[in-house]
Structure formats: structure tokens, C-alpha cells
Amino acid sequence: MRLSTKGRYAVMAMTDLARRQDQAEGRAVALAEIAARQQISLSYLEQLFARLRRKGLVVSARGPGGGYRLAREARDTAIADIVLAVDEPLRATRCGVAKGKAGAKGCMAGGAQCLTHDLWEEMGRQIHGYLASVSIADVLDGKLKARGQKDRAPEKASDQKAKEMAAA
């Protein structure tokens, strides 16, 4: 599953905001500064931050010295919340949601679900669960690398044998 530019840029900008806000002792951070540091179009960031503000993830301050601040602590702001706030569905299927009906409309002719639908549906849930478990603070503190190594399951014998055969 590929995360779109909207979702990636929103996460990058919110992480930058959290870091700068801490350094600026809670003062508002200007979007122009974030845009320059992250090399993201200012007008694009303005659109994203309007959505983030509507969803209650940031608060804005007008006037000289104005800008944005996180609405809650970085440790209380999940990456999934950011992605969903900018209207990015965390779905891995190509099926749509049927209007006016419960459940999903399948991607096959006549609205049927494809054979691999459940696989992609579960993968989407796993991605959402992971992003919901990671906060902006986790990203800033570099906890993701250690977390991934700690959670990794021991290698299966078949995987190890395949690696040995590939190396030979």
C-alpha cells in the first residue's frame, strides 16, 4: 500500500511543527518556516493545515508571530490521526463503499469481492493499527527503529535456508 503525498506531507509537517514548537517554548510556528525546512509548497501546506485545524489536531494564532501549534501533546497525537485528518483512507483494497448500503461494494463485475479481498482488507487494518500506535513523539525520539527490531519475530528455518541458497 502506498501512502499518498497528502498523508506523507501532513506527517512530515506535523513532526516538524512538534520539534520547532518544543524549541520555541510553545510559541506558534509559521507555515512558511515549515514549508522551507521540509521543501513543501506553502499553498499545499495551507490546505493541509486547514484540514488539520478542522479536525482539532492544530490550533492557529493570527497576527505577527502567528502560526500553528499542536492542539495536544506530541505523545498524544497518533500518525493515523494525521493521515485520516487530511482525508487519506487507510485502505489497501480497491473496493469502494456502497452508498446507502452497509458493507463494501466489491471491485469485480456486479459488485462482487475479489478472491484476495480479505487479504488486502486485513493488511489495511494492520497498517492502520500500526500508524495508530505511533505518535509524533515516537518519531521525534527515534523509537521506531528500536521498536521494529524488538517486535520482529525470529526468522523461520525456511527463510534462513532461502537466504543461504541465494547467497551461494
N, C-alpha and C. Protein backbone atom coordinates (compact mmCIF):
# COMPACT_ATOMS: atom_id res chain seq x y z
N MET A 1 0.85 -1.19 0.00
CA MET A 1 0.00 0.00 0.00
C MET A 1 0.88 1.23 0.00
N ARG A 2 0.53 2.19 -0.80
CA ARG A 2 1.32 3.40 -0.92
C ARG A 2 0.57 4.55 -0.25
N LEU A 3 1.26 5.25 0.63
CA LEU A 3 0.68 6.42 1.28
C LEU A 3 0.85 7.59 0.32
N SER A 4 -0.20 8.36 0.14
CA SER A 4 -0.15 9.46 -0.82
C SER A 4 0.69 10.63 -0.30
N THR A 5 0.94 11.56 -1.19
CA THR A 5 1.70 12.76 -0.85
C THR A 5 1.02 13.55 0.25
N LYS A 6 -0.31 13.63 0.19
CA LYS A 6 -1.06 14.37 1.22
C LYS A 6 -0.74 13.84 2.61
N GLY A 7 -0.84 12.54 2.77
CA GLY A 7 -0.59 11.93 4.07
C GLY A 7 0.86 12.07 4.51
N ARG A 8 1.79 11.82 3.59
CA ARG A 8 3.22 11.92 3.93
C ARG A 8 3.59 13.35 4.30
N TYR A 9 3.15 14.32 3.50
CA TYR A 9 3.48 15.71 3.79
C TYR A 9 2.85 16.20 5.09
N ALA A 10 1.65 15.76 5.37
CA ALA A 10 0.99 16.16 6.63
C ALA A 10 1.78 15.62 7.82
N VAL A 11 2.24 14.38 7.74
CA VAL A 11 3.02 13.80 8.84
C VAL A 11 4.37 14.52 8.96
N MET A 12 5.03 14.78 7.84
CA MET A 12 6.30 15.50 7.88
C MET A 12 6.13 16.87 8.52
N ALA A 13 5.10 17.59 8.12
CA ALA A 13 4.88 18.95 8.62
C ALA A 13 4.51 18.95 10.10
N MET A 14 3.69 18.00 10.52
CA MET A 14 3.30 17.93 11.92
C MET A 14 4.49 17.55 12.81
N THR A 15 5.35 16.69 12.30
CA THR A 15 6.55 16.31 13.05
C THR A 15 7.49 17.50 13.17
N ASP A 16 7.65 18.24 12.08
CA ASP A 16 8.46 19.46 12.11
C ASP A 16 7.87 20.47 13.08
N LEU A 17 6.56 20.65 13.05
CA LEU A 17 5.88 21.57 13.95
C LEU A 17 6.14 21.19 15.41
N ALA A 18 6.03 19.92 15.72
CA ALA A 18 6.25 19.46 17.10
C ALA A 18 7.67 19.77 17.56
N ARG A 19 8.65 19.50 16.69
CA ARG A 19 10.05 19.77 17.05
C ARG A 19 10.28 21.26 17.25
N ARG A 20 9.82 22.09 16.33
CA ARG A 20 10.04 23.54 16.42
C ARG A 20 9.27 24.16 17.57
N GLN A 21 8.10 23.64 17.82
CA GLN A 21 7.28 24.15 18.92
C GLN A 21 8.01 23.92 20.25
N ASP A 22 8.62 22.76 20.40
CA ASP A 22 9.39 22.48 21.62
C ASP A 22 10.57 23.43 21.74
N GLN A 23 11.27 23.67 20.63
CA GLN A 23 12.43 24.56 20.64
C GLN A 23 12.02 26.00 20.88
N ALA A 24 10.82 26.38 20.43
CA ALA A 24 10.35 27.77 20.56
C ALA A 24 9.54 27.96 21.85
N GLU A 25 9.64 27.00 22.76
CA GLU A 25 8.95 27.08 24.05
C GLU A 25 7.45 27.31 23.91
N GLY A 26 6.84 26.56 23.01
CA GLY A 26 5.39 26.61 22.85
C GLY A 26 4.85 27.70 21.96
N ARG A 27 5.71 28.58 21.44
CA ARG A 27 5.22 29.64 20.55
C ARG A 27 4.76 29.03 19.22
N ALA A 28 3.89 29.76 18.56
CA ALA A 28 3.38 29.31 17.27
C ALA A 28 4.50 29.27 16.24
N VAL A 29 4.39 28.33 15.31
CA VAL A 29 5.39 28.16 14.25
C VAL A 29 4.73 28.53 12.93
N ALA A 30 5.39 29.37 12.16
CA ALA A 30 4.85 29.82 10.87
C ALA A 30 4.94 28.70 9.83
N LEU A 31 3.88 28.58 9.03
CA LEU A 31 3.87 27.56 7.97
C LEU A 31 4.99 27.80 6.96
N ALA A 32 5.32 29.06 6.72
CA ALA A 32 6.39 29.36 5.76
C ALA A 32 7.71 28.74 6.20
N GLU A 33 7.96 28.71 7.50
CA GLU A 33 9.19 28.11 8.02
C GLU A 33 9.17 26.59 7.81
N ILE A 34 8.03 25.98 8.10
CA ILE A 34 7.90 24.53 7.89
C ILE A 34 8.06 24.21 6.41
N ALA A 35 7.41 24.99 5.55
CA ALA A 35 7.48 24.78 4.11
C ALA A 35 8.93 24.82 3.62
N ALA A 36 9.68 25.80 4.11
CA ALA A 36 11.08 25.93 3.69
C ALA A 36 11.92 24.75 4.18
N ARG A 37 11.76 24.39 5.44
CA ARG A 37 12.56 23.29 6.00
C ARG A 37 12.23 21.95 5.36
N GLN A 38 10.96 21.70 5.10
CA GLN A 38 10.54 20.40 4.58
C GLN A 38 10.43 20.37 3.05
N GLN A 39 10.69 21.51 2.42
CA GLN A 39 10.63 21.63 0.96
C GLN A 39 9.26 21.19 0.43
N ILE A 40 8.23 21.79 1.03
CA ILE A 40 6.84 21.55 0.64
C ILE A 40 6.24 22.89 0.26
N SER A 41 5.45 22.93 -0.78
CA SER A 41 4.79 24.16 -1.22
C SER A 41 3.97 24.77 -0.07
N LEU A 42 4.12 26.07 0.12
CA LEU A 42 3.38 26.76 1.18
C LEU A 42 1.87 26.66 0.94
N SER A 43 1.43 26.83 -0.28
CA SER A 43 -0.01 26.78 -0.54
C SER A 43 -0.56 25.37 -0.27
N TYR A 44 0.22 24.35 -0.55
CA TYR A 44 -0.19 22.98 -0.27
C TYR A 44 -0.29 22.76 1.24
N LEU A 45 0.70 23.27 1.98
CA LEU A 45 0.67 23.16 3.44
C LEU A 45 -0.53 23.89 4.03
N GLU A 46 -0.86 25.04 3.47
CA GLU A 46 -2.02 25.79 3.96
C GLU A 46 -3.29 24.95 3.83
N GLN A 47 -3.43 24.25 2.72
CA GLN A 47 -4.59 23.37 2.53
C GLN A 47 -4.60 22.24 3.55
N LEU A 48 -3.44 21.62 3.76
CA LEU A 48 -3.35 20.53 4.71
C LEU A 48 -3.64 21.00 6.14
N PHE A 49 -3.09 22.15 6.51
CA PHE A 49 -3.27 22.64 7.87
C PHE A 49 -4.69 23.13 8.12
N ALA A 50 -5.39 23.55 7.10
CA ALA A 50 -6.80 23.89 7.26
C ALA A 50 -7.58 22.63 7.67
N ARG A 51 -7.26 21.51 7.05
CA ARG A 51 -7.92 20.24 7.40
C ARG A 51 -7.50 19.77 8.79
N LEU A 52 -6.22 19.90 9.10
CA LEU A 52 -5.73 19.50 10.42
C LEU A 52 -6.38 20.35 11.52
N ARG A 53 -6.58 21.63 11.24
CA ARG A 53 -7.23 22.52 12.21
C ARG A 53 -8.69 22.13 12.41
N ARG A 54 -9.39 21.86 11.30
CA ARG A 54 -10.80 21.45 11.39
C ARG A 54 -10.97 20.16 12.19
N LYS A 55 -9.99 19.28 12.13
CA LYS A 55 -10.05 18.01 12.86
C LYS A 55 -9.51 18.14 14.29
N GLY A 56 -9.08 19.34 14.67
CA GLY A 56 -8.65 19.58 16.04
C GLY A 56 -7.25 19.12 16.38
N LEU A 57 -6.40 18.93 15.37
CA LEU A 57 -5.03 18.49 15.63
C LEU A 57 -4.07 19.65 15.82
N VAL A 58 -4.41 20.82 15.26
CA VAL A 58 -3.58 22.02 15.45
C VAL A 58 -4.49 23.19 15.80
N VAL A 59 -3.88 24.20 16.42
CA VAL A 59 -4.57 25.46 16.67
C VAL A 59 -3.75 26.56 16.00
N SER A 60 -4.45 27.58 15.52
CA SER A 60 -3.76 28.65 14.81
C SER A 60 -3.76 29.92 15.65
N ALA A 61 -2.74 30.72 15.41
CA ALA A 61 -2.63 32.04 16.04
C ALA A 61 -2.42 33.05 14.93
N ARG A 62 -3.22 34.10 14.91
CA ARG A 62 -3.13 35.12 13.86
C ARG A 62 -2.20 36.24 14.26
N GLY A 63 -1.83 37.03 13.27
CA GLY A 63 -1.06 38.24 13.52
C GLY A 63 0.43 38.01 13.55
N PRO A 64 1.18 39.08 13.91
CA PRO A 64 2.65 38.96 13.99
C PRO A 64 3.02 37.87 15.01
N GLY A 65 3.95 37.04 14.63
CA GLY A 65 4.33 35.93 15.49
C GLY A 65 3.32 34.80 15.46
N GLY A 66 2.38 34.87 14.52
CA GLY A 66 1.35 33.85 14.42
C GLY A 66 1.86 32.61 13.73
N GLY A 67 1.02 31.63 13.69
CA GLY A 67 1.36 30.36 13.06
C GLY A 67 0.50 29.27 13.66
N TYR A 68 1.08 28.10 13.83
CA TYR A 68 0.35 26.94 14.34
C TYR A 68 1.08 26.31 15.51
N ARG A 69 0.28 25.66 16.36
CA ARG A 69 0.76 24.85 17.46
C ARG A 69 -0.02 23.54 17.46
N LEU A 70 0.58 22.50 18.01
CA LEU A 70 -0.15 21.26 18.18
C LEU A 70 -1.29 21.49 19.17
N ALA A 71 -2.44 20.91 18.92
CA ALA A 71 -3.58 21.06 19.81
C ALA A 71 -3.41 20.20 21.06
N ARG A 72 -2.65 19.13 20.94
CA ARG A 72 -2.35 18.29 22.10
C ARG A 72 -0.88 17.88 22.04
N GLU A 73 -0.42 17.27 23.09
CA GLU A 73 0.99 16.87 23.17
C GLU A 73 1.37 15.94 22.03
N ALA A 74 2.63 15.99 21.63
CA ALA A 74 3.13 15.12 20.56
C ALA A 74 2.93 13.65 20.91
N ARG A 75 3.07 13.30 22.16
CA ARG A 75 2.90 11.90 22.58
C ARG A 75 1.44 11.44 22.48
N ASP A 76 0.52 12.41 22.40
CA ASP A 76 -0.91 12.10 22.32
C ASP A 76 -1.47 12.26 20.91
N THR A 77 -0.60 12.50 19.94
CA THR A 77 -1.03 12.68 18.56
C THR A 77 -0.53 11.51 17.72
N ALA A 78 -1.45 10.63 17.32
CA ALA A 78 -1.09 9.45 16.54
C ALA A 78 -0.93 9.80 15.07
N ILE A 79 -0.03 9.12 14.41
CA ILE A 79 0.21 9.32 12.98
C ILE A 79 -1.06 9.01 12.19
N ALA A 80 -1.80 7.99 12.60
CA ALA A 80 -3.06 7.65 11.90
C ALA A 80 -4.04 8.82 11.95
N ASP A 81 -4.10 9.53 13.06
CA ASP A 81 -5.00 10.70 13.17
C ASP A 81 -4.65 11.76 12.14
N ILE A 82 -3.37 11.96 11.92
CA ILE A 82 -2.90 12.97 10.96
C ILE A 82 -3.31 12.56 9.55
N VAL A 83 -3.01 11.31 9.20
CA VAL A 83 -3.31 10.82 7.84
C VAL A 83 -4.82 10.88 7.58
N LEU A 84 -5.61 10.44 8.55
CA LEU A 84 -7.06 10.46 8.37
C LEU A 84 -7.61 11.89 8.33
N ALA A 85 -6.98 12.82 9.03
CA ALA A 85 -7.44 14.21 9.05
C ALA A 85 -7.33 14.88 7.69
N VAL A 86 -6.38 14.45 6.88
CA VAL A 86 -6.22 15.05 5.55
C VAL A 86 -6.94 14.22 4.49
N ASP A 87 -7.95 13.46 4.96
CA ASP A 87 -8.82 12.68 4.08
C ASP A 87 -8.12 11.57 3.32
N GLU A 88 -7.17 10.95 3.97
CA GLU A 88 -6.49 9.83 3.33
C GLU A 88 -7.01 8.54 3.94
N PRO A 89 -7.80 7.77 3.20
CA PRO A 89 -8.27 6.50 3.75
C PRO A 89 -7.11 5.52 3.87
N LEU A 90 -7.09 4.77 4.94
CA LEU A 90 -6.05 3.76 5.13
C LEU A 90 -6.60 2.42 4.66
N ARG A 91 -6.86 2.32 3.36
CA ARG A 91 -7.42 1.12 2.76
C ARG A 91 -6.43 0.55 1.76
N ALA A 92 -6.36 -0.75 1.72
CA ALA A 92 -5.48 -1.40 0.75
C ALA A 92 -6.27 -2.09 -0.35
N THR A 93 -7.59 -2.12 -0.24
CA THR A 93 -8.40 -2.75 -1.28
C THR A 93 -8.78 -1.70 -2.31
N ARG A 94 -9.19 -2.15 -3.46
CA ARG A 94 -9.68 -1.20 -4.46
C ARG A 94 -11.20 -1.15 -4.45
N CYS A 95 -11.80 -1.85 -3.50
CA CYS A 95 -13.25 -1.85 -3.37
C CYS A 95 -13.73 -0.51 -2.83
N GLY A 96 -14.91 -0.11 -3.25
CA GLY A 96 -15.49 1.13 -2.76
C GLY A 96 -16.53 0.83 -1.69
N VAL A 97 -16.99 1.88 -1.05
CA VAL A 97 -18.06 1.74 -0.07
C VAL A 97 -19.37 2.00 -0.81
N ALA A 98 -20.29 1.09 -0.68
CA ALA A 98 -21.58 1.22 -1.35
C ALA A 98 -22.39 2.34 -0.69
N LYS A 99 -22.90 3.24 -1.49
CA LYS A 99 -23.69 4.36 -0.96
C LYS A 99 -25.06 3.87 -0.54
N GLY A 100 -25.44 4.23 0.68
CA GLY A 100 -26.75 3.88 1.18
C GLY A 100 -26.90 2.42 1.61
N LYS A 101 -25.84 1.64 1.52
CA LYS A 101 -25.89 0.24 1.91
C LYS A 101 -24.79 -0.04 2.93
N ALA A 102 -25.03 -1.00 3.76
CA ALA A 102 -24.00 -1.42 4.70
C ALA A 102 -22.98 -2.26 3.95
N GLY A 103 -21.73 -2.18 4.34
CA GLY A 103 -20.70 -3.01 3.75
C GLY A 103 -20.03 -2.36 2.56
N ALA A 104 -19.12 -3.12 1.98
CA ALA A 104 -18.33 -2.60 0.87
C ALA A 104 -18.88 -3.09 -0.46
N LYS A 105 -18.71 -2.27 -1.47
CA LYS A 105 -19.02 -2.66 -2.84
C LYS A 105 -17.75 -3.29 -3.39
N GLY A 106 -17.86 -4.47 -3.93
CA GLY A 106 -16.70 -5.17 -4.43
C GLY A 106 -16.12 -4.54 -5.68
N CYS A 107 -14.91 -4.95 -6.00
CA CYS A 107 -14.20 -4.37 -7.15
C CYS A 107 -14.44 -5.16 -8.43
N MET A 108 -15.14 -6.26 -8.35
CA MET A 108 -15.39 -7.10 -9.52
C MET A 108 -16.73 -6.71 -10.16
N ALA A 109 -16.97 -7.26 -11.33
CA ALA A 109 -18.22 -7.01 -12.05
C ALA A 109 -19.41 -7.39 -11.17
N GLY A 110 -20.42 -6.55 -11.18
CA GLY A 110 -21.61 -6.82 -10.39
C GLY A 110 -21.44 -6.54 -8.91
N GLY A 111 -20.31 -5.96 -8.51
CA GLY A 111 -20.10 -5.61 -7.10
C GLY A 111 -19.55 -6.73 -6.25
N ALA A 112 -19.16 -7.84 -6.85
CA ALA A 112 -18.60 -8.96 -6.09
C ALA A 112 -17.20 -8.61 -5.59
N GLN A 113 -16.82 -9.21 -4.49
CA GLN A 113 -15.47 -9.00 -3.95
C GLN A 113 -14.51 -9.97 -4.62
N CYS A 114 -13.28 -9.52 -4.84
CA CYS A 114 -12.27 -10.37 -5.47
C CYS A 114 -11.81 -11.44 -4.47
N LEU A 115 -11.13 -12.45 -4.97
CA LEU A 115 -10.67 -13.56 -4.12
C LEU A 115 -9.71 -13.11 -3.02
N THR A 116 -8.94 -12.06 -3.28
CA THR A 116 -7.93 -11.61 -2.32
C THR A 116 -8.41 -10.45 -1.45
N HIS A 117 -9.70 -10.14 -1.51
CA HIS A 117 -10.24 -9.00 -0.77
C HIS A 117 -9.88 -9.05 0.72
N ASP A 118 -10.09 -10.19 1.37
CA ASP A 118 -9.83 -10.28 2.80
C ASP A 118 -8.35 -10.05 3.13
N LEU A 119 -7.47 -10.51 2.25
CA LEU A 119 -6.03 -10.28 2.46
C LEU A 119 -5.73 -8.78 2.51
N TRP A 120 -6.21 -8.05 1.50
CA TRP A 120 -5.93 -6.61 1.42
C TRP A 120 -6.65 -5.84 2.53
N GLU A 121 -7.85 -6.30 2.87
CA GLU A 121 -8.61 -5.65 3.95
C GLU A 121 -7.85 -5.77 5.27
N GLU A 122 -7.33 -6.97 5.55
CA GLU A 122 -6.59 -7.17 6.79
C GLU A 122 -5.28 -6.39 6.79
N MET A 123 -4.62 -6.32 5.63
CA MET A 123 -3.39 -5.53 5.55
C MET A 123 -3.69 -4.06 5.86
N GLY A 124 -4.78 -3.54 5.35
CA GLY A 124 -5.17 -2.16 5.65
C GLY A 124 -5.41 -1.96 7.13
N ARG A 125 -6.05 -2.94 7.78
CA ARG A 125 -6.28 -2.86 9.23
C ARG A 125 -4.95 -2.87 9.99
N GLN A 126 -4.02 -3.70 9.54
CA GLN A 126 -2.70 -3.78 10.19
C GLN A 126 -1.95 -2.46 10.06
N ILE A 127 -2.00 -1.86 8.89
CA ILE A 127 -1.34 -0.57 8.67
C ILE A 127 -1.97 0.48 9.57
N HIS A 128 -3.30 0.52 9.60
CA HIS A 128 -3.97 1.49 10.46
C HIS A 128 -3.60 1.28 11.92
N GLY A 129 -3.59 0.02 12.35
CA GLY A 129 -3.23 -0.28 13.74
C GLY A 129 -1.83 0.18 14.07
N TYR A 130 -0.91 -0.05 13.15
CA TYR A 130 0.48 0.38 13.37
C TYR A 130 0.56 1.90 13.46
N LEU A 131 -0.02 2.60 12.49
CA LEU A 131 0.04 4.07 12.49
C LEU A 131 -0.69 4.66 13.69
N ALA A 132 -1.73 3.97 14.17
CA ALA A 132 -2.44 4.43 15.36
C ALA A 132 -1.60 4.22 16.63
N SER A 133 -0.65 3.31 16.58
CA SER A 133 0.19 3.02 17.75
C SER A 133 1.44 3.89 17.81
N VAL A 134 1.70 4.65 16.76
CA VAL A 134 2.90 5.50 16.70
C VAL A 134 2.49 6.96 16.86
N SER A 135 3.15 7.65 17.78
CA SER A 135 2.87 9.07 18.00
C SER A 135 3.95 9.92 17.34
N ILE A 136 3.67 11.20 17.25
CA ILE A 136 4.68 12.14 16.74
C ILE A 136 5.92 12.08 17.63
N ALA A 137 5.71 11.96 18.95
CA ALA A 137 6.84 11.88 19.88
C ALA A 137 7.71 10.66 19.59
N ASP A 138 7.08 9.52 19.24
CA ASP A 138 7.85 8.32 18.89
C ASP A 138 8.77 8.60 17.70
N VAL A 139 8.24 9.30 16.71
CA VAL A 139 9.02 9.62 15.52
C VAL A 139 10.18 10.54 15.90
N LEU A 140 9.90 11.58 16.66
CA LEU A 140 10.93 12.54 17.06
C LEU A 140 12.00 11.91 17.95
N ASP A 141 11.58 10.97 18.79
CA ASP A 141 12.52 10.33 19.72
C ASP A 141 13.29 9.18 19.09
N GLY A 142 13.01 8.89 17.83
CA GLY A 142 13.71 7.80 17.13
C GLY A 142 13.38 6.43 17.68
N LYS A 143 12.20 6.26 18.24
CA LYS A 143 11.81 4.98 18.85
C LYS A 143 11.37 3.94 17.83
N LEU A 144 11.20 4.31 16.60
CA LEU A 144 10.66 3.38 15.61
C LEU A 144 11.65 2.29 15.23
N LYS A 145 12.91 2.64 15.07
CA LYS A 145 13.91 1.65 14.65
C LYS A 145 14.05 0.57 15.73
N ALA A 146 14.21 0.97 16.97
CA ALA A 146 14.35 0.01 18.06
C ALA A 146 13.08 -0.81 18.21
N ARG A 147 11.93 -0.15 18.03
CA ARG A 147 10.64 -0.81 18.17
C ARG A 147 10.49 -1.90 17.12
N GLY A 148 10.88 -1.61 15.88
CA GLY A 148 10.77 -2.59 14.79
C GLY A 148 11.67 -3.78 15.02
N GLN A 149 12.87 -3.56 15.55
CA GLN A 149 13.79 -4.65 15.81
C GLN A 149 13.30 -5.51 16.96
N LYS A 150 12.69 -4.88 17.95
CA LYS A 150 12.20 -5.59 19.13
C LYS A 150 10.99 -6.45 18.77
N ASP A 151 10.11 -5.95 17.89
CA ASP A 151 8.89 -6.66 17.54
C ASP A 151 9.11 -7.76 16.50
N ARG A 152 10.25 -7.75 15.86
CA ARG A 152 10.50 -8.69 14.77
C ARG A 152 10.54 -10.12 15.28
N ALA A 153 9.82 -11.00 14.62
CA ALA A 153 9.78 -12.41 15.02
C ALA A 153 11.07 -13.10 14.61
N PRO A 154 11.43 -14.15 15.31
CA PRO A 154 12.62 -14.91 14.91
C PRO A 154 12.44 -15.44 13.49
N GLU A 155 13.54 -15.55 12.78
CA GLU A 155 13.49 -16.00 11.40
C GLU A 155 13.11 -17.47 11.32
N LYS A 156 12.24 -17.79 10.37
CA LYS A 156 11.84 -19.18 10.16
C LYS A 156 13.00 -19.92 9.50
N ALA A 157 13.06 -21.22 9.73
CA ALA A 157 14.11 -22.04 9.13
C ALA A 157 14.05 -21.97 7.62
N SER A 158 12.82 -21.95 7.05
CA SER A 158 12.69 -21.89 5.60
C SER A 158 13.21 -20.57 5.04
N ASP A 159 13.01 -19.47 5.79
CA ASP A 159 13.52 -18.17 5.36
C ASP A 159 15.05 -18.16 5.39
N GLN A 160 15.62 -18.75 6.45
CA GLN A 160 17.06 -18.79 6.59
C GLN A 160 17.67 -19.63 5.48
N LYS A 161 17.04 -20.78 5.17
CA LYS A 161 17.54 -21.65 4.12
C LYS A 161 17.48 -20.95 2.76
N ALA A 162 16.42 -20.21 2.49
CA ALA A 162 16.28 -19.49 1.24
C ALA A 162 17.40 -18.45 1.11
N LYS A 163 17.73 -17.76 2.21
CA LYS A 163 18.81 -16.77 2.18
C LYS A 163 20.16 -17.43 1.90
N GLU A 164 20.36 -18.61 2.54
CA GLU A 164 21.63 -19.34 2.32
C GLU A 164 21.75 -19.77 0.86
N MET A 165 20.65 -20.23 0.28
CA MET A 165 20.67 -20.68 -1.11
C MET A 165 20.90 -19.50 -2.05
N ALA A 166 20.32 -18.35 -1.73
CA ALA A 166 20.51 -17.17 -2.56
C ALA A 166 21.93 -16.67 -2.48
N ALA A 167 22.57 -16.83 -1.33
CA ALA A 167 23.94 -16.35 -1.15
C ALA A 167 24.94 -17.25 -1.84
N ALA A 168 24.57 -18.53 -2.05
CA ALA A 168 25.50 -19.49 -2.64
C ALA A 168 25.69 -19.28 -4.12
